[in-house]
Protein backbone atom coordinates (compact mmCIF):
# COMPACT_ATOMS: atom_id res chain seq x y z
CA MET A 1 -1.98 13.76 25.00
CA GLU A 2 -5.34 14.35 22.92
CA SER A 3 -6.52 18.10 23.82
CA TYR A 4 -10.18 18.98 24.89
CA PHE A 5 -11.05 20.24 21.92
CA GLU A 6 -9.68 16.86 19.78
CA THR A 7 -11.87 15.01 22.39
CA ALA A 8 -14.86 17.62 21.89
CA ALA A 9 -14.67 16.85 18.34
CA ARG A 10 -14.42 12.93 19.07
CA ALA A 11 -17.91 13.53 20.83
CA VAL A 12 -19.48 14.89 17.85
CA GLN A 13 -18.52 11.72 15.82
CA ALA A 14 -19.33 9.51 18.53
CA ARG A 15 -22.80 10.93 18.75
CA SER A 16 -23.62 10.01 15.09
CA ARG A 17 -22.63 6.46 15.67
CA ILE A 18 -24.50 6.02 19.43
CA ARG A 19 -27.46 8.22 18.63
CA SER A 20 -30.06 5.45 17.87
CA HIS A 21 -29.08 3.28 20.43
CA ILE A 22 -29.05 5.64 23.40
CA TYR A 23 -31.93 7.54 24.87
CA GLN A 24 -31.22 11.56 24.99
CA THR A 25 -32.40 12.28 28.17
CA PRO A 26 -34.34 15.32 29.74
CA LEU A 27 -32.89 18.16 31.42
CA VAL A 28 -35.69 19.05 33.74
CA PRO A 29 -35.63 22.14 36.78
CA SER A 30 -35.30 21.76 40.18
CA ARG A 31 -38.80 21.61 42.20
CA VAL A 32 -37.41 23.08 45.11
CA ALA A 33 -33.77 24.21 44.88
CA LYS A 34 -34.31 27.88 43.71
CA ASN A 35 -36.61 28.62 46.75
CA VAL A 36 -33.83 27.35 49.22
CA THR A 37 -30.50 28.30 47.75
CA ASN A 38 -31.83 31.00 44.93
CA THR A 39 -29.97 29.49 42.10
CA LYS A 40 -31.44 27.54 38.86
CA VAL A 41 -30.80 24.22 39.62
CA LEU A 42 -31.46 21.83 36.54
CA TYR A 43 -31.07 18.11 36.41
CA LYS A 44 -29.26 16.14 33.73
CA LEU A 45 -31.34 12.57 33.99
CA GLU A 46 -29.06 9.72 32.93
CA ASN A 47 -30.57 7.82 35.40
CA PHE A 48 -33.32 7.28 33.12
CA GLN A 49 -30.65 6.36 30.38
CA THR A 50 -31.55 3.35 28.27
CA THR A 51 -29.65 1.02 30.71
CA GLY A 52 -29.68 3.16 33.94
CA SER A 53 -26.72 4.99 33.35
CA PHE A 54 -24.55 7.14 31.32
CA LYS A 55 -22.33 4.54 30.82
CA ILE A 56 -24.17 3.09 27.97
CA ARG A 57 -22.92 6.12 25.70
CA GLY A 58 -19.01 5.19 25.92
CA ALA A 59 -19.20 1.63 25.68
CA MET A 60 -21.29 2.02 22.72
CA SER A 61 -18.99 4.59 21.24
CA LYS A 62 -15.92 1.85 21.80
CA LEU A 63 -17.86 -0.92 20.84
CA SER A 64 -18.97 0.32 17.49
CA VAL A 65 -15.60 1.14 16.07
CA GLN A 66 -14.35 -2.44 17.17
CA PRO A 67 -13.57 -5.32 14.36
CA ASP A 68 -16.34 -8.06 14.20
CA SER A 69 -14.04 -10.46 14.82
CA GLY A 70 -11.94 -10.84 17.85
CA ARG A 71 -12.73 -11.26 21.72
CA LEU A 72 -13.12 -8.08 23.82
CA VAL A 73 -12.41 -7.88 27.62
CA THR A 74 -13.59 -5.37 29.74
CA ALA A 75 -14.15 -4.39 34.19
CA SER A 76 -16.65 -2.77 35.71
CA SER A 77 -18.34 -1.93 39.19
CA GLY A 78 -21.67 -2.46 37.37
CA ASN A 79 -22.74 0.34 35.35
CA HIS A 80 -20.34 -0.04 32.65
CA GLY A 81 -20.63 -3.74 32.89
CA ILE A 82 -24.20 -3.37 31.84
CA GLY A 83 -23.29 -0.72 29.21
CA ALA A 84 -21.09 -3.05 27.41
CA ALA A 85 -23.07 -6.09 27.86
CA PHE A 86 -26.03 -4.17 26.09
CA ALA A 87 -23.64 -2.81 23.51
CA ALA A 88 -22.24 -6.13 22.80
CA LYS A 89 -25.41 -7.68 22.03
CA ALA A 90 -26.62 -4.91 20.04
CA LEU A 91 -23.53 -4.69 17.65
CA SER A 92 -22.82 -8.86 18.02
CA LYS A 93 -19.72 -8.52 19.70
CA HIS A 94 -17.84 -11.32 21.79
CA LEU A 95 -17.44 -9.74 25.07
CA THR A 96 -16.09 -10.98 28.88
CA ILE A 97 -17.12 -8.70 31.38
CA VAL A 98 -14.62 -8.79 35.26
CA LEU A 99 -16.48 -7.59 37.92
CA PRO A 100 -15.45 -6.95 41.53
CA GLU A 101 -16.60 -9.25 44.04
CA THR A 102 -18.76 -6.76 45.66
CA VAL A 103 -20.59 -6.02 42.31
CA ILE A 104 -24.30 -4.99 43.51
CA PRO A 105 -26.54 -8.19 42.88
CA GLN A 106 -28.99 -6.39 40.86
CA LYS A 107 -26.54 -4.88 38.28
CA LEU A 108 -25.13 -8.43 38.27
CA GLU A 109 -28.21 -10.02 37.20
CA LYS A 110 -28.74 -7.24 34.50
CA ILE A 111 -25.25 -7.99 32.91
CA GLN A 112 -25.70 -11.88 32.64
CA SER A 113 -29.00 -11.18 30.82
CA TYR A 114 -27.28 -9.65 28.28
CA GLY A 115 -25.61 -13.05 27.47
CA VAL A 116 -21.88 -12.15 27.87
CA GLU A 117 -19.46 -13.84 29.71
CA VAL A 118 -18.73 -12.62 33.32
CA ILE A 119 -15.78 -13.29 35.79
CA LEU A 120 -15.84 -12.08 39.60
CA HIS A 121 -12.57 -11.16 40.46
CA GLY A 122 -11.08 -8.94 43.88
CA SER A 123 -12.86 -6.67 46.31
CA GLU A 124 -12.81 -3.71 44.33
CA THR A 125 -12.77 -2.28 40.77
CA GLY A 126 -9.43 -1.66 40.28
CA LEU A 127 -8.71 -5.12 41.12
CA ALA A 128 -11.13 -5.81 38.56
CA GLU A 129 -9.42 -4.01 36.00
CA GLN A 130 -5.88 -5.09 36.18
CA TYR A 131 -7.08 -8.79 36.10
CA ALA A 132 -8.90 -7.84 32.91
CA GLN A 133 -5.87 -6.44 31.81
CA GLN A 134 -3.70 -9.83 32.69
CA LEU A 135 -6.82 -11.56 30.24
CA ALA A 136 -5.97 -9.27 27.55
CA LYS A 137 -2.00 -9.59 27.83
CA SER A 138 -2.16 -13.66 28.41
CA GLN A 139 -5.05 -14.67 26.46
CA GLY A 140 -5.28 -12.40 23.49
CA TYR A 141 -8.38 -10.31 24.49
CA THR A 142 -8.42 -6.71 23.55
CA TYR A 143 -8.71 -4.83 26.63
CA ILE A 144 -11.92 -2.21 26.58
CA SER A 145 -11.05 0.26 29.59
CA PRO A 146 -14.17 1.87 31.53
CA TYR A 147 -12.88 4.96 31.05
CA ASN A 148 -9.25 5.05 30.13
CA ASP A 149 -9.71 5.17 26.22
CA PRO A 150 -10.30 7.98 23.58
CA HIS A 151 -13.70 6.41 22.47
CA ILE A 152 -15.03 5.67 25.71
CA ILE A 153 -14.59 9.56 27.00
CA ALA A 154 -16.02 10.90 23.67
CA GLY A 155 -19.04 8.54 24.41
CA GLN A 156 -20.01 10.26 27.62
CA GLY A 157 -18.75 13.82 26.19
CA THR A 158 -22.24 13.49 23.86
CA ILE A 159 -23.75 14.44 27.56
CA GLY A 160 -22.23 17.82 26.79
CA LEU A 161 -23.60 18.38 23.69
CA GLU A 162 -27.11 17.43 24.82
CA ILE A 163 -26.57 20.04 27.77
CA LEU A 164 -25.53 22.74 25.41
CA GLU A 165 -28.77 21.99 22.97
CA GLN A 166 -31.00 21.87 25.96
CA CYS A 167 -29.88 25.15 28.05
CA ALA A 168 -28.95 28.52 26.29
CA GLN A 169 -27.14 29.21 29.43
CA VAL A 170 -25.43 27.04 32.06
CA ASP A 171 -23.12 28.64 34.72
CA ASN A 172 -21.60 25.47 36.50
CA ILE A 173 -22.30 21.75 35.66
CA PHE A 174 -21.50 19.45 38.76
CA ILE A 175 -20.08 16.00 37.88
CA ALA A 176 -19.39 13.42 40.28
CA MET A 177 -15.57 11.69 39.24
CA GLY A 178 -14.49 8.25 39.54
CA GLY A 179 -12.12 7.12 36.88
CA GLY A 180 -12.60 10.38 35.34
CA GLY A 181 -14.20 9.20 31.55
CA LEU A 182 -17.56 11.13 32.29
CA ILE A 183 -16.10 14.48 33.55
CA SER A 184 -13.61 14.50 30.88
CA GLY A 185 -15.79 14.02 28.25
CA ILE A 186 -18.33 16.62 29.64
CA GLY A 187 -15.89 18.83 30.31
CA SER A 188 -13.94 18.90 27.16
CA VAL A 189 -17.13 19.33 25.26
CA ILE A 190 -18.28 22.42 27.63
CA LYS A 191 -14.87 23.83 27.26
CA ALA A 192 -14.46 23.66 23.55
CA PHE A 193 -18.12 25.03 22.67
CA ASN A 194 -18.62 27.17 26.10
CA PRO A 195 -15.44 28.15 27.82
CA ARG A 196 -17.25 30.36 30.69
CA THR A 197 -19.04 27.27 32.14
CA LYS A 198 -17.46 26.28 35.39
CA ILE A 199 -16.99 22.38 35.72
CA PHE A 200 -17.18 21.32 39.50
CA GLY A 201 -15.92 17.85 39.95
CA VAL A 202 -17.50 15.97 43.14
CA SER A 203 -15.57 12.94 44.76
CA ALA A 204 -16.66 10.80 47.70
CA ILE A 205 -13.81 11.37 50.67
CA SER A 206 -13.76 7.46 51.37
CA SER A 207 -12.51 6.74 47.86
CA LYS A 208 -11.02 10.04 45.70
CA ALA A 209 -8.26 8.40 43.47
CA LEU A 210 -8.55 11.08 40.79
CA ALA A 211 -9.41 14.08 42.96
CA GLU A 212 -5.78 13.52 44.82
CA SER A 213 -4.29 12.26 41.83
CA MET A 214 -5.29 15.84 40.45
CA ALA A 215 -3.80 17.41 43.18
CA ALA A 216 -0.55 15.53 43.08
CA GLY A 217 -0.12 16.22 39.09
CA ARG A 218 0.27 12.63 38.85
CA VAL A 219 -1.42 9.49 39.59
CA VAL A 220 -1.29 8.37 43.34
CA GLU A 221 -2.51 5.29 45.59
CA THR A 222 -5.08 6.32 47.83
CA LYS A 223 -7.35 4.16 50.23
CA HIS A 224 -10.53 3.19 49.54
CA LEU A 225 -13.26 2.76 52.18
CA ASP A 226 -16.82 1.76 51.57
CA THR A 227 -19.37 4.61 49.99
CA LEU A 228 -22.45 4.82 49.09
CA ALA A 229 -21.22 6.20 45.83
CA ASP A 230 -19.76 2.76 45.01
CA ALA A 231 -20.01 3.31 41.20
CA VAL A 232 -16.84 6.08 41.31
CA ALA A 233 -15.02 3.60 43.95
CA GLY A 234 -11.59 2.11 43.07
CA GLY A 235 -8.24 3.18 41.72
CA ILE A 236 -7.01 4.82 38.53
CA ASP A 237 -4.90 3.25 35.73
CA ALA A 238 -1.10 5.04 36.11
CA ASP A 239 -1.30 5.79 32.34
CA THR A 240 -4.66 7.12 32.63
CA ILE A 241 -5.71 9.81 29.78
CA THR A 242 -8.42 11.09 31.85
CA LEU A 243 -6.03 12.90 34.44
CA PRO A 244 -4.62 15.62 32.19
CA LEU A 245 -7.81 16.15 30.56
CA ALA A 246 -9.52 16.31 34.20
CA MET A 247 -6.98 18.82 34.91
CA SER A 248 -7.44 20.83 31.96
CA VAL A 249 -10.81 21.13 32.19
CA VAL A 250 -11.72 20.86 35.94
CA ASP A 251 -12.55 24.07 37.57
CA HIS A 252 -13.49 23.49 41.01
CA LEU A 253 -13.17 20.22 43.09
CA VAL A 254 -15.43 19.49 45.90
CA ASP A 255 -15.28 16.50 48.12
CA CYS A 256 -18.61 14.95 50.20
CA ASP A 257 -18.26 12.96 53.17
CA GLU A 258 -21.07 9.82 53.41
CA GLY A 259 -23.55 12.18 55.60
CA GLU A 260 -23.49 14.83 52.86
CA ILE A 261 -24.12 11.93 50.26
CA LYS A 262 -27.10 10.38 52.48
CA ALA A 263 -28.80 14.01 52.52
CA ALA A 264 -28.57 14.22 49.07
CA LEU A 265 -30.11 11.08 48.28
CA ARG A 266 -32.88 11.82 50.60
CA GLU A 267 -33.64 15.16 49.02
CA LEU A 268 -33.56 13.53 45.39
CA ALA A 269 -36.22 10.76 46.77
CA PHE A 270 -38.59 13.33 49.20
CA ASN A 271 -38.20 16.69 47.06
CA GLU A 272 -37.43 15.61 43.53
CA ASN A 273 -39.33 12.25 43.70
CA MET A 274 -36.63 10.37 42.18
CA ILE A 275 -34.42 7.33 43.93
CA VAL A 276 -31.09 7.15 42.47
CA GLU A 277 -27.66 5.68 43.38
CA GLY A 278 -25.47 7.09 45.64
CA SER A 279 -22.74 7.97 42.83
CA ALA A 280 -25.59 10.59 41.27
CA ALA A 281 -26.57 11.75 44.68
CA LEU A 282 -22.77 12.50 45.44
CA ALA A 283 -22.87 14.91 42.37
CA LEU A 284 -26.15 16.54 44.46
CA ALA A 285 -23.70 16.67 47.37
CA GLY A 286 -21.24 18.76 45.81
CA PHE A 287 -23.34 21.50 44.66
CA THR A 288 -25.35 21.58 48.02
CA LYS A 289 -21.83 22.47 49.89
CA VAL A 290 -20.97 24.92 47.88
CA ALA A 291 -24.88 26.72 46.48
CA HIS A 292 -24.27 29.87 48.80
CA THR A 293 -21.58 31.01 46.81
CA LEU A 294 -23.56 30.49 43.33
CA ALA A 295 -26.81 32.92 44.02
CA GLY A 296 -28.31 33.82 40.79
CA GLU A 297 -26.63 31.47 38.50
CA THR A 298 -27.64 28.18 36.60
CA SER A 299 -26.32 24.85 37.98
CA VAL A 300 -26.82 21.54 35.75
CA ILE A 301 -26.45 18.37 38.42
CA VAL A 302 -25.61 15.52 36.21
CA LEU A 303 -27.43 12.36 38.22
CA CYS A 304 -25.13 9.85 36.53
CA GLY A 305 -27.14 6.41 36.95
CA GLY A 306 -30.16 4.78 38.89
CA ASN A 307 -28.66 1.21 39.21
CA PHE A 308 -28.48 0.49 43.03
CA ASN A 309 -28.59 -2.19 45.41
CA ARG A 310 -32.15 -1.64 47.01
CA ASP A 311 -31.57 -2.59 50.68
CA ILE A 312 -28.34 -0.11 50.94
CA ILE A 313 -30.14 2.93 49.49
CA MET A 314 -33.43 2.39 51.06
CA ASN A 315 -32.05 2.25 54.53
CA ALA A 316 -29.96 5.35 53.61
CA ILE A 317 -32.93 7.42 52.81
CA LEU A 318 -35.48 5.56 55.58
CA GLY A 319 -32.88 5.28 58.06
CA ASP A 320 -31.79 7.03 60.84
């Protein structure tokens, strides 16, 4: 297993390759959190990233080390697909993307706009990943995992490098957990350079494969229900390298229900003037749940993306 020190070093290398293709996103203070929670809260705005999500970082990192010839295949709930499609076009790679049949229409349109081949398969991301893996074995594609890959994880870890440069003292970082690439990457960088900073992994109760696997110490099967945080829904690979990495860098686990995610979406919309996707609001929901224990500390909340189904998100923000 690659240690978090090795992952952090790989993130430094990845940054030099992807820097010209991504946006160094702002780290901005909350407008209201200190008054409410007596803590300093900073938002890392990956919702303003080039493709509307952090996923461009990992995709660009991985595709930038692939040979020019050959066919690549990947799978995604949407955001990795957008990032991978952008990277494939920028780097002139031949890429096929397998998406679940439930993919948000806006994300599907954005992926198709980059000219890659798209296949719709399965009811959730885990099934789409399995089908992409089957294509790789049966038809000679090289499979690009959305999270279970050292170069993908290193690309996501570049967020941690930026946070370290943008803020001299960070006590806590809150990160939504799906397959684990984001939290493994950021966590590895932070623990390598500033081990006193606490990493909080936040899961949606409706789909928390990584959190339950961390609790068990091995990959376990879990139920996956509909969630506003659709980008983090789905299972994880049986051999995923994100599990041992996450277990080595995550200090605390928090899980949130749909009501808590909805409240965070409203908080961001009405008090911070930002409309984000549910998985971004999930990180804030996790912070809100434990904020009473963090008085006087500085916390960074990673808003991982802003690509969403408009009808669903607006109903969550404006509905009862």
